[in-house]
Amino acid sequence: MGSIAERSRLGPLMIFTFVWTTIVYDPIVCWTWNSKGWSYVMGGLDFAGGTPIHISSGTTALALASYIGKRHGYGTTRLAYEPQNTSYVVLGTAFLWFGWFGFNGGSALSANLRAASACIVTNLAASVGGIIWMLLDYRLNKKWSIIGFCSGAITGLVAITPAAGLVGAPAAVAFGVISGFICNFATKLKFFARYDDVLDVFAIHGIGGIVGNLLTAFFAQASIAGFDGITVIPGGWIDHHYIQLGYQLADSAAGVTYTFVMTTIILWIMHYIPGLSLRASEEAEILGIDEAEMGEFMYDYVGMEAKMEDSLQNNSLAELKVQELQ
């Protein structure tokens, strides 16, 4: 949803989320992890959700941004702004990072050595991804950006997701480095393709998920997967199982194609149902979606008080000057 921030309606979005989860997300989960799913049977490896979670969400963000269109004023200085609260970005990243241990480590389905290994490589990939992204931003601005570090950390977390219980610590460093580089440059895609992805969801989750899936083919190890004493896999290129790259490519391509086509169809149908169009009016965009859709603000109450105080002070100063002149 972050790709269409500031120009979408909340009511239709809730309906879209239910329909999308049922028609898009559930089938991908089924073919990835169900014992009879085509990707599972083929031999695709996805430990914690590279395709079901990240490729599907990133591709959906691209479909949403492409179908709904740009914000009014996009490309002008009016919309060329930085994140409005850096502290919240850091806090949100910390929550996500901590939560990632839950579903990456938890995907081992038991408190065992494989779960511990998954948590270790998760932390490593995030740390390295954050450092790489920050360094890439530093080369442009000569500033150590905490926003850049947070973006890179999320990229590393995304990339390691499909491989967390399948790769070792050295591979996790490679995941962080490669995903940090590729996803950082992928944020420029929206300028070439001319779509308005507000939070770079496709670049971080879509591209990051694809990168993670493909790197899994290279670095997956049967010995790591067997840390739980149950799982048996042929491994990836490290174990000389070279066909694994084909399996990962097929799964990734299917995830991107199915998600983009089905999401576009859902959006097209909703557009022609009265009251279900996701695009907010131009007036609502100018007013602000918070006020137009919820009637509430985050900071404007404080801002209005400050403006009133400034206005009163200015009026007092003006009165004093008038009295002095008299």
C-alpha atoms as a PDB file:
ATOM      1  CA  MET A   1       0.000   0.000   0.000  1.00  0.00           C
ATOM      2  CA  GLY A   2       2.953   2.294   0.545  1.00  0.00           C
ATOM      3  CA  SER A   3       3.425   2.643  -3.202  1.00  0.00           C
ATOM      4  CA  ILE A   4       0.121   4.525  -3.544  1.00  0.00           C
ATOM      5  CA  ALA A   5       0.285   6.639  -0.392  1.00  0.00           C
ATOM      6  CA  GLU A   6      -1.342  10.097  -0.537  1.00  0.00           C
ATOM      7  CA  ARG A   7      -3.697   9.281  -3.402  1.00  0.00           C
ATOM      8  CA  SER A   8      -5.796   6.256  -2.417  1.00  0.00           C
ATOM      9  CA  ARG A   9      -9.120   5.786  -0.616  1.00  0.00           C
ATOM     10  CA  LEU A  10      -9.176   3.763   2.587  1.00  0.00           C
ATOM     11  CA  GLY A  11     -12.561   2.034   2.197  1.00  0.00           C
ATOM     12  CA  PRO A  12     -11.875   0.475  -1.221  1.00  0.00           C
ATOM     13  CA  LEU A  13      -8.350  -0.426  -0.042  1.00  0.00           C
ATOM     14  CA  MET A  14      -9.790  -2.625   2.701  1.00  0.00           C
ATOM     15  CA  ILE A  15     -11.931  -4.475   0.177  1.00  0.00           C
ATOM     16  CA  PHE A  16      -8.992  -4.764  -2.212  1.00  0.00           C
ATOM     17  CA  THR A  17      -6.847  -6.254   0.570  1.00  0.00           C
ATOM     18  CA  PHE A  18      -9.375  -9.014   1.259  1.00  0.00           C
ATOM     19  CA  VAL A  19      -9.847  -9.850  -2.422  1.00  0.00           C
ATOM     20  CA  TRP A  20      -6.098  -9.713  -3.141  1.00  0.00           C
ATOM     21  CA  THR A  21      -5.254 -11.963  -0.185  1.00  0.00           C
ATOM     22  CA  THR A  22      -7.785 -14.540  -1.337  1.00  0.00           C
ATOM     23  CA  ILE A  23      -7.057 -14.542  -5.072  1.00  0.00           C
ATOM     24  CA  VAL A  24      -3.350 -13.691  -5.229  1.00  0.00           C
ATOM     25  CA  TYR A  25      -1.571 -14.400  -1.947  1.00  0.00           C
ATOM     26  CA  ASP A  26      -3.244 -17.684  -0.980  1.00  0.00           C
ATOM     27  CA  PRO A  27      -2.529 -19.512  -4.276  1.00  0.00           C
ATOM     28  CA  ILE A  28       1.138 -18.464  -4.165  1.00  0.00           C
ATOM     29  CA  VAL A  29       1.442 -19.737  -0.597  1.00  0.00           C
ATOM     30  CA  CYS A  30      -0.178 -22.989  -1.735  1.00  0.00           C
ATOM     31  CA  TRP A  31       2.180 -23.611  -4.650  1.00  0.00           C
ATOM     32  CA  THR A  32       5.204 -22.706  -2.516  1.00  0.00           C
ATOM     33  CA  TRP A  33       4.635 -24.689   0.686  1.00  0.00           C
ATOM     34  CA  ASN A  34       1.833 -27.167   0.096  1.00  0.00           C
ATOM     35  CA  SER A  35       3.270 -30.645  -0.416  1.00  0.00           C
ATOM     36  CA  LYS A  36       1.294 -30.862  -3.669  1.00  0.00           C
ATOM     37  CA  GLY A  37       2.091 -27.336  -4.901  1.00  0.00           C
ATOM     38  CA  TRP A  38       3.834 -27.256  -8.257  1.00  0.00           C
ATOM     39  CA  SER A  39       6.857 -25.292  -6.997  1.00  0.00           C
ATOM     40  CA  TYR A  40       7.250 -27.516  -3.947  1.00  0.00           C
ATOM     41  CA  VAL A  41       7.044 -30.657  -6.079  1.00  0.00           C
ATOM     42  CA  MET A  42       9.443 -29.186  -8.643  1.00  0.00           C
ATOM     43  CA  GLY A  43      12.024 -28.537  -5.933  1.00  0.00           C
ATOM     44  CA  GLY A  44      11.823 -24.779  -5.391  1.00  0.00           C
ATOM     45  CA  LEU A  45      13.416 -23.575  -2.141  1.00  0.00           C
ATOM     46  CA  ASP A  46      11.729 -20.847  -0.115  1.00  0.00           C
ATOM     47  CA  PHE A  47      12.293 -21.035   3.613  1.00  0.00           C
ATOM     48  CA  ALA A  48      10.242 -18.094   4.930  1.00  0.00           C
ATOM     49  CA  GLY A  49       8.466 -16.316   2.059  1.00  0.00           C
ATOM     50  CA  GLY A  50      10.579 -14.833  -0.723  1.00  0.00           C
ATOM     51  CA  THR A  51       7.844 -15.343  -3.323  1.00  0.00           C
ATOM     52  CA  PRO A  52       4.635 -15.449  -1.228  1.00  0.00           C
ATOM     53  CA  ILE A  53       5.519 -12.372   0.829  1.00  0.00           C
ATOM     54  CA  HIS A  54       8.092 -10.184  -0.886  1.00  0.00           C
ATOM     55  CA  ILE A  55       7.791 -10.820  -4.623  1.00  0.00           C
ATOM     56  CA  SER A  56       4.001 -10.782  -4.371  1.00  0.00           C
ATOM     57  CA  SER A  57       3.850  -7.571  -2.302  1.00  0.00           C
ATOM     58  CA  GLY A  58       6.514  -5.796  -4.364  1.00  0.00           C
ATOM     59  CA  THR A  59       4.883  -6.700  -7.664  1.00  0.00           C
ATOM     60  CA  THR A  60       1.499  -5.665  -6.301  1.00  0.00           C
ATOM     61  CA  ALA A  61       2.994  -2.288  -5.400  1.00  0.00           C
ATOM     62  CA  LEU A  62       4.186  -1.906  -8.995  1.00  0.00           C
ATOM     63  CA  ALA A  63       0.753  -2.847 -10.368  1.00  0.00           C
ATOM     64  CA  LEU A  64      -0.993  -0.432  -7.999  1.00  0.00           C
ATOM     65  CA  ALA A  65       1.321   2.468  -8.796  1.00  0.00           C
ATOM     66  CA  SER A  66       1.085   1.814 -12.539  1.00  0.00           C
ATOM     67  CA  TYR A  67      -2.701   1.428 -12.619  1.00  0.00           C
ATOM     68  CA  ILE A  68      -3.692   4.247 -10.262  1.00  0.00           C
ATOM     69  CA  GLY A  69      -1.208   6.742 -11.664  1.00  0.00           C
ATOM     70  CA  LYS A  70       0.997   9.418 -10.193  1.00  0.00           C
ATOM     71  CA  ARG A  71       0.166  11.888  -7.461  1.00  0.00           C
ATOM     72  CA  HIS A  72      -0.930  15.321  -8.660  1.00  0.00           C
ATOM     73  CA  GLY A  73       2.181  17.445  -8.746  1.00  0.00           C
ATOM     74  CA  TYR A  74       4.535  14.455  -8.961  1.00  0.00           C
ATOM     75  CA  GLY A  75       7.954  15.486 -10.259  1.00  0.00           C
ATOM     76  CA  THR A  76       7.651  19.054  -8.971  1.00  0.00           C
ATOM     77  CA  THR A  77       9.381  20.589  -5.969  1.00  0.00           C
ATOM     78  CA  ARG A  78       6.080  20.443  -4.070  1.00  0.00           C
ATOM     79  CA  LEU A  79       6.449  16.673  -3.696  1.00  0.00           C
ATOM     80  CA  ALA A  80      10.254  16.532  -3.476  1.00  0.00           C
ATOM     81  CA  TYR A  81      10.439  16.021   0.266  1.00  0.00           C
ATOM     82  CA  GLU A  82      12.230  13.785   2.750  1.00  0.00           C
ATOM     83  CA  PRO A  83      10.614  11.438   5.324  1.00  0.00           C
ATOM     84  CA  GLN A  84       8.668  13.560   7.793  1.00  0.00           C
ATOM     85  CA  ASN A  85       9.857  11.797  10.964  1.00  0.00           C
ATOM     86  CA  THR A  86      13.261  10.121  10.993  1.00  0.00           C
ATOM     87  CA  SER A  87      12.753   8.833  14.539  1.00  0.00           C
ATOM     88  CA  TYR A  88       9.680   6.890  13.451  1.00  0.00           C
ATOM     89  CA  VAL A  89      11.604   5.397  10.509  1.00  0.00           C
ATOM     90  CA  VAL A  90      14.278   4.127  12.907  1.00  0.00           C
ATOM     91  CA  LEU A  91      11.680   2.860  15.385  1.00  0.00           C
ATOM     92  CA  GLY A  92       9.726   1.096  12.639  1.00  0.00           C
ATOM     93  CA  THR A  93      12.885  -0.519  11.287  1.00  0.00           C
ATOM     94  CA  ALA A  94      13.772  -1.743  14.780  1.00  0.00           C
ATOM     95  CA  PHE A  95      10.324  -3.315  15.173  1.00  0.00           C
ATOM     96  CA  LEU A  96      10.584  -4.967  11.760  1.00  0.00           C
ATOM     97  CA  TRP A  97      14.089  -6.228  12.413  1.00  0.00           C
ATOM     98  CA  PHE A  98      13.030  -7.759  15.725  1.00  0.00           C
ATOM     99  CA  GLY A  99       9.891  -9.240  14.176  1.00  0.00           C
ATOM    100  CA  TRP A 100      11.917 -10.793  11.354  1.00  0.00           C
ATOM    101  CA  PHE A 101      13.578 -13.086  13.881  1.00  0.00           C
ATOM    102  CA  GLY A 102      10.083 -14.379  14.630  1.00  0.00           C
ATOM    103  CA  PHE A 103       9.077 -15.460  11.158  1.00  0.00           C
ATOM    104  CA  ASN A 104      12.537 -16.356   9.821  1.00  0.00           C
ATOM    105  CA  GLY A 105      13.588 -18.213  12.948  1.00  0.00           C
ATOM    106  CA  GLY A 106      10.040 -19.398  13.523  1.00  0.00           C
ATOM    107  CA  SER A 107       9.855 -20.935  10.050  1.00  0.00           C
ATOM    108  CA  ALA A 108      12.007 -23.761  11.433  1.00  0.00           C
ATOM    109  CA  LEU A 109       8.806 -24.673  13.355  1.00  0.00           C
ATOM    110  CA  SER A 110      10.815 -25.605  16.437  1.00  0.00           C
ATOM    111  CA  ALA A 111      13.406 -24.191  18.848  1.00  0.00           C
ATOM    112  CA  ASN A 112      16.333 -26.016  17.256  1.00  0.00           C
ATOM    113  CA  LEU A 113      19.736 -25.368  15.712  1.00  0.00           C
ATOM    114  CA  ARG A 114      18.181 -24.495  12.356  1.00  0.00           C
ATOM    115  CA  ALA A 115      16.067 -21.755  13.971  1.00  0.00           C
ATOM    116  CA  ALA A 116      19.152 -20.323  15.692  1.00  0.00           C
ATOM    117  CA  SER A 117      21.082 -20.374  12.422  1.00  0.00           C
ATOM    118  CA  ALA A 118      18.188 -18.634  10.641  1.00  0.00           C
ATOM    119  CA  CYS A 119      18.242 -15.822  13.220  1.00  0.00           C
ATOM    120  CA  ILE A 120      22.009 -15.403  12.922  1.00  0.00           C
ATOM    121  CA  VAL A 121      22.006 -15.090   9.126  1.00  0.00           C
ATOM    122  CA  THR A 122      18.971 -12.793   9.303  1.00  0.00           C
ATOM    123  CA  ASN A 123      20.828 -10.372  11.541  1.00  0.00           C
ATOM    124  CA  LEU A 124      23.992 -10.544   9.430  1.00  0.00           C
ATOM    125  CA  ALA A 125      22.228  -9.876   6.124  1.00  0.00           C
ATOM    126  CA  ALA A 126      20.334  -6.914   7.586  1.00  0.00           C
ATOM    127  CA  SER A 127      23.457  -5.383   9.104  1.00  0.00           C
ATOM    128  CA  VAL A 128      25.512  -5.725   5.936  1.00  0.00           C
ATOM    129  CA  GLY A 129      22.646  -4.494   3.735  1.00  0.00           C
ATOM    130  CA  GLY A 130      22.267  -1.389   5.889  1.00  0.00           C
ATOM    131  CA  ILE A 131      25.984  -0.580   5.734  1.00  0.00           C
ATOM    132  CA  ILE A 132      26.146  -1.074   1.952  1.00  0.00           C
ATOM    133  CA  TRP A 133      23.121   1.175   1.302  1.00  0.00           C
ATOM    134  CA  MET A 134      24.484   3.865   3.628  1.00  0.00           C
ATOM    135  CA  LEU A 135      27.851   3.795   1.830  1.00  0.00           C
ATOM    136  CA  LEU A 136      26.173   4.066  -1.562  1.00  0.00           C
ATOM    137  CA  ASP A 137      24.223   7.106  -0.378  1.00  0.00           C
ATOM    138  CA  TYR A 138      27.375   8.596   1.143  1.00  0.00           C
ATOM    139  CA  ARG A 139      29.105   8.604  -2.236  1.00  0.00           C
ATOM    140  CA  LEU A 140      26.432  11.037  -3.470  1.00  0.00           C
ATOM    141  CA  ASN A 141      25.748  13.282  -0.485  1.00  0.00           C
ATOM    142  CA  LYS A 142      28.826  12.814   1.718  1.00  0.00           C
ATOM    143  CA  LYS A 143      26.419  12.274   4.641  1.00  0.00           C
ATOM    144  CA  TRP A 144      25.928   9.212   6.843  1.00  0.00           C
ATOM    145  CA  SER A 145      22.196   8.673   6.306  1.00  0.00           C
ATOM    146  CA  ILE A 146      20.258   6.744   8.946  1.00  0.00           C
ATOM    147  CA  ILE A 147      17.361   6.570   6.467  1.00  0.00           C
ATOM    148  CA  GLY A 148      19.747   4.915   4.016  1.00  0.00           C
ATOM    149  CA  PHE A 149      20.869   2.443   6.663  1.00  0.00           C
ATOM    150  CA  CYS A 150      17.260   1.562   7.499  1.00  0.00           C
ATOM    151  CA  SER A 151      16.397   1.058   3.815  1.00  0.00           C
ATOM    152  CA  GLY A 152      19.398  -1.202   3.353  1.00  0.00           C
ATOM    153  CA  ALA A 153      18.626  -3.184   6.498  1.00  0.00           C
ATOM    154  CA  ILE A 154      15.124  -3.917   5.223  1.00  0.00           C
ATOM    155  CA  THR A 155      16.614  -4.919   1.861  1.00  0.00           C
ATOM    156  CA  GLY A 156      18.937  -7.400   3.573  1.00  0.00           C
ATOM    157  CA  LEU A 157      16.050  -8.805   5.597  1.00  0.00           C
ATOM    158  CA  VAL A 158      13.960  -9.239   2.449  1.00  0.00           C
ATOM    159  CA  ALA A 159      16.732 -10.977   0.523  1.00  0.00           C
ATOM    160  CA  ILE A 160      17.636 -13.434   3.273  1.00  0.00           C
ATOM    161  CA  THR A 161      14.012 -14.474   3.881  1.00  0.00           C
ATOM    162  CA  PRO A 162      13.827 -17.337   1.342  1.00  0.00           C
ATOM    163  CA  ALA A 163      17.273 -18.604   2.376  1.00  0.00           C
ATOM    164  CA  ALA A 164      17.370 -18.082   6.155  1.00  0.00           C
ATOM    165  CA  GLY A 165      17.222 -21.762   7.116  1.00  0.00           C
ATOM    166  CA  LEU A 166      19.246 -22.901   4.126  1.00  0.00           C
ATOM    167  CA  VAL A 167      22.482 -20.880   4.107  1.00  0.00           C
ATOM    168  CA  GLY A 168      25.381 -20.203   6.444  1.00  0.00           C
ATOM    169  CA  ALA A 169      26.847 -16.999   7.846  1.00  0.00           C
ATOM    170  CA  PRO A 170      29.339 -16.304   5.006  1.00  0.00           C
ATOM    171  CA  ALA A 171      26.510 -16.516   2.484  1.00  0.00           C
ATOM    172  CA  ALA A 172      24.456 -14.069   4.575  1.00  0.00           C
ATOM    173  CA  VAL A 173      27.163 -11.447   4.083  1.00  0.00           C
ATOM    174  CA  ALA A 174      26.910 -11.970   0.319  1.00  0.00           C
ATOM    175  CA  PHE A 175      23.118 -11.612   0.505  1.00  0.00           C
ATOM    176  CA  GLY A 176      23.501  -8.272   2.287  1.00  0.00           C
ATOM    177  CA  VAL A 177      26.114  -6.919  -0.102  1.00  0.00           C
ATOM    178  CA  ILE A 178      24.428  -7.986  -3.342  1.00  0.00           C
ATOM    179  CA  SER A 179      20.897  -7.031  -2.333  1.00  0.00           C
ATOM    180  CA  GLY A 180      22.110  -3.691  -0.961  1.00  0.00           C
ATOM    181  CA  PHE A 181      23.762  -2.794  -4.258  1.00  0.00           C
ATOM    182  CA  ILE A 182      21.005  -4.028  -6.569  1.00  0.00           C
ATOM    183  CA  CYS A 183      18.038  -2.652  -4.617  1.00  0.00           C
ATOM    184  CA  ASN A 184      19.694   0.729  -4.083  1.00  0.00           C
ATOM    185  CA  PHE A 185      20.047   1.172  -7.826  1.00  0.00           C
ATOM    186  CA  ALA A 186      16.591  -0.342  -8.392  1.00  0.00           C
ATOM    187  CA  THR A 187      15.065   2.685  -6.651  1.00  0.00           C
ATOM    188  CA  LYS A 188      15.930   4.604  -9.840  1.00  0.00           C
ATOM    189  CA  LEU A 189      13.694   2.362 -11.956  1.00  0.00           C
ATOM    190  CA  LYS A 190      10.634   4.487 -11.192  1.00  0.00           C
ATOM    191  CA  PHE A 191      12.245   7.473 -12.911  1.00  0.00           C
ATOM    192  CA  PHE A 192      12.923   5.478 -16.073  1.00  0.00           C
ATOM    193  CA  ALA A 193       9.583   3.629 -16.121  1.00  0.00           C
ATOM    194  CA  ARG A 194       7.710   6.742 -14.883  1.00  0.00           C
ATOM    195  CA  TYR A 195       5.623   5.256 -12.115  1.00  0.00           C
ATOM    196  CA  ASP A 196       5.106   6.809  -8.689  1.00  0.00           C
ATOM    197  CA  ASP A 197       6.122   4.307  -5.993  1.00  0.00           C
ATOM    198  CA  VAL A 198       6.147   6.509  -2.897  1.00  0.00           C
ATOM    199  CA  LEU A 199       8.014   4.149  -0.551  1.00  0.00           C
ATOM    200  CA  ASP A 200      10.069   2.205  -3.151  1.00  0.00           C
ATOM    201  CA  VAL A 201       8.162  -0.962  -2.306  1.00  0.00           C
ATOM    202  CA  PHE A 202       8.886  -2.623  -5.645  1.00  0.00           C
ATOM    203  CA  ALA A 203      12.602  -1.819  -5.499  1.00  0.00           C
ATOM    204  CA  ILE A 204      13.046  -3.141  -1.955  1.00  0.00           C
ATOM    205  CA  HIS A 205      10.516  -5.984  -1.713  1.00  0.00           C
ATOM    206  CA  GLY A 206       9.985  -6.975  -5.340  1.00  0.00           C
ATOM    207  CA  ILE A 207      13.576  -6.775  -6.566  1.00  0.00           C
ATOM    208  CA  GLY A 208      14.911  -7.800  -3.153  1.00  0.00           C
ATOM    209  CA  GLY A 209      12.707 -10.899  -3.150  1.00  0.00           C
ATOM    210  CA  ILE A 210      13.893 -11.897  -6.624  1.00  0.00           C
ATOM    211  CA  VAL A 211      17.535 -11.369  -5.642  1.00  0.00           C
ATOM    212  CA  GLY A 212      17.031 -13.485  -2.515  1.00  0.00           C
ATOM    213  CA  ASN A 213      15.340 -16.281  -4.448  1.00  0.00           C
ATOM    214  CA  LEU A 214      18.128 -16.462  -7.027  1.00  0.00           C
ATOM    215  CA  LEU A 215      20.933 -16.255  -4.477  1.00  0.00           C
ATOM    216  CA  THR A 216      19.314 -19.161  -2.645  1.00  0.00           C
ATOM    217  CA  ALA A 217      20.027 -21.289  -5.698  1.00  0.00           C
ATOM    218  CA  PHE A 218      23.732 -20.529  -5.358  1.00  0.00           C
ATOM    219  CA  PHE A 219      24.221 -20.719  -1.599  1.00  0.00           C
ATOM    220  CA  ALA A 220      21.662 -23.234  -0.241  1.00  0.00           C
ATOM    221  CA  GLN A 221      23.378 -26.101   1.585  1.00  0.00           C
ATOM    222  CA  ALA A 222      21.940 -29.468   2.449  1.00  0.00           C
ATOM    223  CA  SER A 223      24.014 -29.523   5.638  1.00  0.00           C
ATOM    224  CA  ILE A 224      22.480 -26.249   6.890  1.00  0.00           C
ATOM    225  CA  ALA A 225      18.937 -27.326   6.048  1.00  0.00           C
ATOM    226  CA  GLY A 226      19.574 -30.540   7.963  1.00  0.00           C
ATOM    227  CA  PHE A 227      20.268 -28.690  11.219  1.00  0.00           C
ATOM    228  CA  ASP A 228      16.750 -29.624  12.327  1.00  0.00           C
ATOM    229  CA  GLY A 229      17.496 -33.320  11.889  1.00  0.00           C
ATOM    230  CA  ILE A 230      14.549 -33.724   9.509  1.00  0.00           C
ATOM    231  CA  THR A 231      14.893 -31.655   6.336  1.00  0.00           C
ATOM    232  CA  VAL A 232      16.611 -33.197   3.334  1.00  0.00           C
ATOM    233  CA  ILE A 233      17.324 -31.090   0.240  1.00  0.00           C
ATOM    234  CA  PRO A 234      19.768 -31.482  -2.664  1.00  0.00           C
ATOM    235  CA  GLY A 235      21.138 -27.987  -1.981  1.00  0.00           C
ATOM    236  CA  GLY A 236      22.245 -25.382  -4.478  1.00  0.00           C
ATOM    237  CA  TRP A 237      25.363 -24.668  -6.487  1.00  0.00           C
ATOM    238  CA  ILE A 238      27.581 -25.066  -3.416  1.00  0.00           C
ATOM    239  CA  ASP A 239      26.393 -28.684  -3.331  1.00  0.00           C
ATOM    240  CA  HIS A 240      26.791 -28.982  -7.131  1.00  0.00           C
ATOM    241  CA  HIS A 241      23.027 -28.993  -7.679  1.00  0.00           C
ATOM    242  CA  TYR A 242      23.031 -26.593 -10.610  1.00  0.00           C
ATOM    243  CA  ILE A 243      19.445 -27.119 -11.791  1.00  0.00           C
ATOM    244  CA  GLN A 244      18.314 -25.326  -8.612  1.00  0.00           C
ATOM    245  CA  LEU A 245      18.829 -21.979 -10.341  1.00  0.00           C
ATOM    246  CA  GLY A 246      16.244 -22.974 -12.950  1.00  0.00           C
ATOM    247  CA  TYR A 247      13.772 -23.908 -10.230  1.00  0.00           C
ATOM    248  CA  GLN A 248      14.269 -20.567  -8.493  1.00  0.00           C
ATOM    249  CA  LEU A 249      13.930 -18.637 -11.751  1.00  0.00           C
ATOM    250  CA  ALA A 250      10.687 -20.450 -12.594  1.00  0.00           C
ATOM    251  CA  ASP A 251       9.207 -19.787  -9.165  1.00  0.00           C
ATOM    252  CA  SER A 252      10.194 -16.099  -9.213  1.00  0.00           C
ATOM    253  CA  ALA A 253       8.909 -15.516 -12.748  1.00  0.00           C
ATOM    254  CA  ALA A 254       5.624 -17.220 -11.931  1.00  0.00           C
ATOM    255  CA  GLY A 255       5.228 -15.111  -8.791  1.00  0.00           C
ATOM    256  CA  VAL A 256       5.836 -11.835 -10.635  1.00  0.00           C
ATOM    257  CA  THR A 257       3.608 -12.702 -13.605  1.00  0.00           C
ATOM    258  CA  TYR A 258       0.693 -14.135 -11.647  1.00  0.00           C
ATOM    259  CA  THR A 259       0.712 -11.310  -9.120  1.00  0.00           C
ATOM    260  CA  PHE A 260       0.915  -8.486 -11.658  1.00  0.00           C
ATOM    261  CA  VAL A 261      -1.784  -9.888 -13.960  1.00  0.00           C
ATOM    262  CA  MET A 262      -4.245 -10.837 -11.224  1.00  0.00           C
ATOM    263  CA  THR A 263      -3.738  -7.580  -9.301  1.00  0.00           C
ATOM    264  CA  THR A 264      -4.364  -5.547 -12.451  1.00  0.00           C
ATOM    265  CA  ILE A 265      -7.546  -7.515 -13.163  1.00  0.00           C
ATOM    266  CA  ILE A 266      -8.794  -6.915  -9.598  1.00  0.00           C
ATOM    267  CA  LEU A 267      -8.073  -3.182  -9.920  1.00  0.00           C
ATOM    268  CA  TRP A 268      -9.792  -3.013 -13.305  1.00  0.00           C
ATOM    269  CA  ILE A 269     -12.949  -4.709 -11.987  1.00  0.00           C
ATOM    270  CA  MET A 270     -13.064  -2.534  -8.867  1.00  0.00           C
ATOM    271  CA  HIS A 271     -12.645   0.600 -10.973  1.00  0.00           C
ATOM    272  CA  TYR A 272     -15.955  -0.079 -12.737  1.00  0.00           C
ATOM    273  CA  ILE A 273     -17.911  -0.912  -9.573  1.00  0.00           C
ATOM    274  CA  PRO A 274     -19.500   2.271  -8.181  1.00  0.00           C
ATOM    275  CA  GLY A 275     -17.794   3.416  -5.007  1.00  0.00           C
ATOM    276  CA  LEU A 276     -14.850   0.999  -5.230  1.00  0.00           C
ATOM    277  CA  SER A 277     -12.360   3.013  -7.262  1.00  0.00           C
ATOM    278  CA  LEU A 278      -9.118   3.261  -5.283  1.00  0.00           C
ATOM    279  CA  ARG A 279      -8.039   6.638  -6.653  1.00  0.00           C
ATOM    280  CA  ALA A 280      -8.818   9.621  -4.435  1.00  0.00           C
ATOM    281  CA  SER A 281     -10.012  12.868  -5.976  1.00  0.00           C
ATOM    282  CA  GLU A 282      -7.638  15.729  -6.689  1.00  0.00           C
ATOM    283  CA  GLU A 283      -9.366  17.772  -4.008  1.00  0.00           C
ATOM    284  CA  ALA A 284      -8.723  15.010  -1.434  1.00  0.00           C
ATOM    285  CA  GLU A 285      -5.041  14.868  -2.430  1.00  0.00           C
ATOM    286  CA  ILE A 286      -4.659  18.624  -2.022  1.00  0.00           C
ATOM    287  CA  LEU A 287      -6.498  18.610   1.294  1.00  0.00           C
ATOM    288  CA  GLY A 288      -4.551  15.561   2.472  1.00  0.00           C
ATOM    289  CA  ILE A 289      -5.742  11.979   2.778  1.00  0.00           C
ATOM    290  CA  ASP A 290      -5.614  12.121   6.593  1.00  0.00           C
ATOM    291  CA  GLU A 291      -8.152  14.927   6.680  1.00  0.00           C
ATOM    292  CA  ALA A 292     -10.178  13.820   3.646  1.00  0.00           C
ATOM    293  CA  GLU A 293     -10.536  10.167   4.686  1.00  0.00           C
ATOM    294  CA  MET A 294     -10.220  10.252   8.504  1.00  0.00           C
ATOM    295  CA  GLY A 295     -10.738  13.848   9.552  1.00  0.00           C
ATOM    296  CA  GLU A 296      -7.645  13.647  11.742  1.00  0.00           C
ATOM    297  CA  PHE A 297      -4.087  14.928  11.695  1.00  0.00           C
ATOM    298  CA  MET A 298      -0.719  13.853  13.046  1.00  0.00           C
ATOM    299  CA  TYR A 299       0.956  17.186  13.706  1.00  0.00           C
ATOM    300  CA  ASP A 300      -1.332  19.938  12.425  1.00  0.00           C
ATOM    301  CA  TYR A 301      -2.984  20.536  15.767  1.00  0.00           C
ATOM    302  CA  VAL A 302       0.388  21.558  17.179  1.00  0.00           C
ATOM    303  CA  GLY A 303       1.189  23.393  13.966  1.00  0.00           C
ATOM    304  CA  MET A 304      -2.046  25.371  14.115  1.00  0.00           C
ATOM    305  CA  GLU A 305      -1.352  26.415  17.718  1.00  0.00           C
ATOM    306  CA  ALA A 306       2.119  27.581  16.767  1.00  0.00           C
ATOM    307  CA  LYS A 307       0.746  29.544  13.837  1.00  0.00           C
ATOM    308  CA  MET A 308      -1.846  31.162  16.088  1.00  0.00           C
ATOM    309  CA  GLU A 309       0.840  32.116  18.611  1.00  0.00           C
ATOM    310  CA  ASP A 310       3.009  33.594  15.844  1.00  0.00           C
ATOM    311  CA  SER A 311       0.013  35.502  14.537  1.00  0.00           C
ATOM    312  CA  LEU A 312      -0.770  36.915  17.981  1.00  0.00           C
ATOM    313  CA  GLN A 313       2.857  37.916  18.515  1.00  0.00           C
ATOM    314  CA  ASN A 314       2.971  39.630  15.128  1.00  0.00           C
ATOM    315  CA  ASN A 315      -0.235  41.500  15.914  1.00  0.00           C
ATOM    316  CA  SER A 316       1.166  42.618  19.284  1.00  0.00           C
ATOM    317  CA  LEU A 317       4.364  43.872  17.642  1.00  0.00           C
ATOM    318  CA  ALA A 318       2.362  45.743  15.040  1.00  0.00           C
ATOM    319  CA  GLU A 319       0.253  47.409  17.739  1.00  0.00           C
ATOM    320  CA  LEU A 320       3.400  48.474  19.648  1.00  0.00           C
ATOM    321  CA  LYS A 321       4.875  50.028  16.500  1.00  0.00           C
ATOM    322  CA  VAL A 322       1.652  51.902  15.847  1.00  0.00           C
ATOM    323  CA  GLN A 323       1.644  53.237  19.408  1.00  0.00           C
ATOM    324  CA  GLU A 324       5.294  54.353  19.076  1.00  0.00           C
ATOM    325  CA  LEU A 325       4.521  56.187  15.850  1.00  0.00           C
ATOM    326  CA  GLN A 326       1.608  57.968  17.483  1.00  0.00           C
END
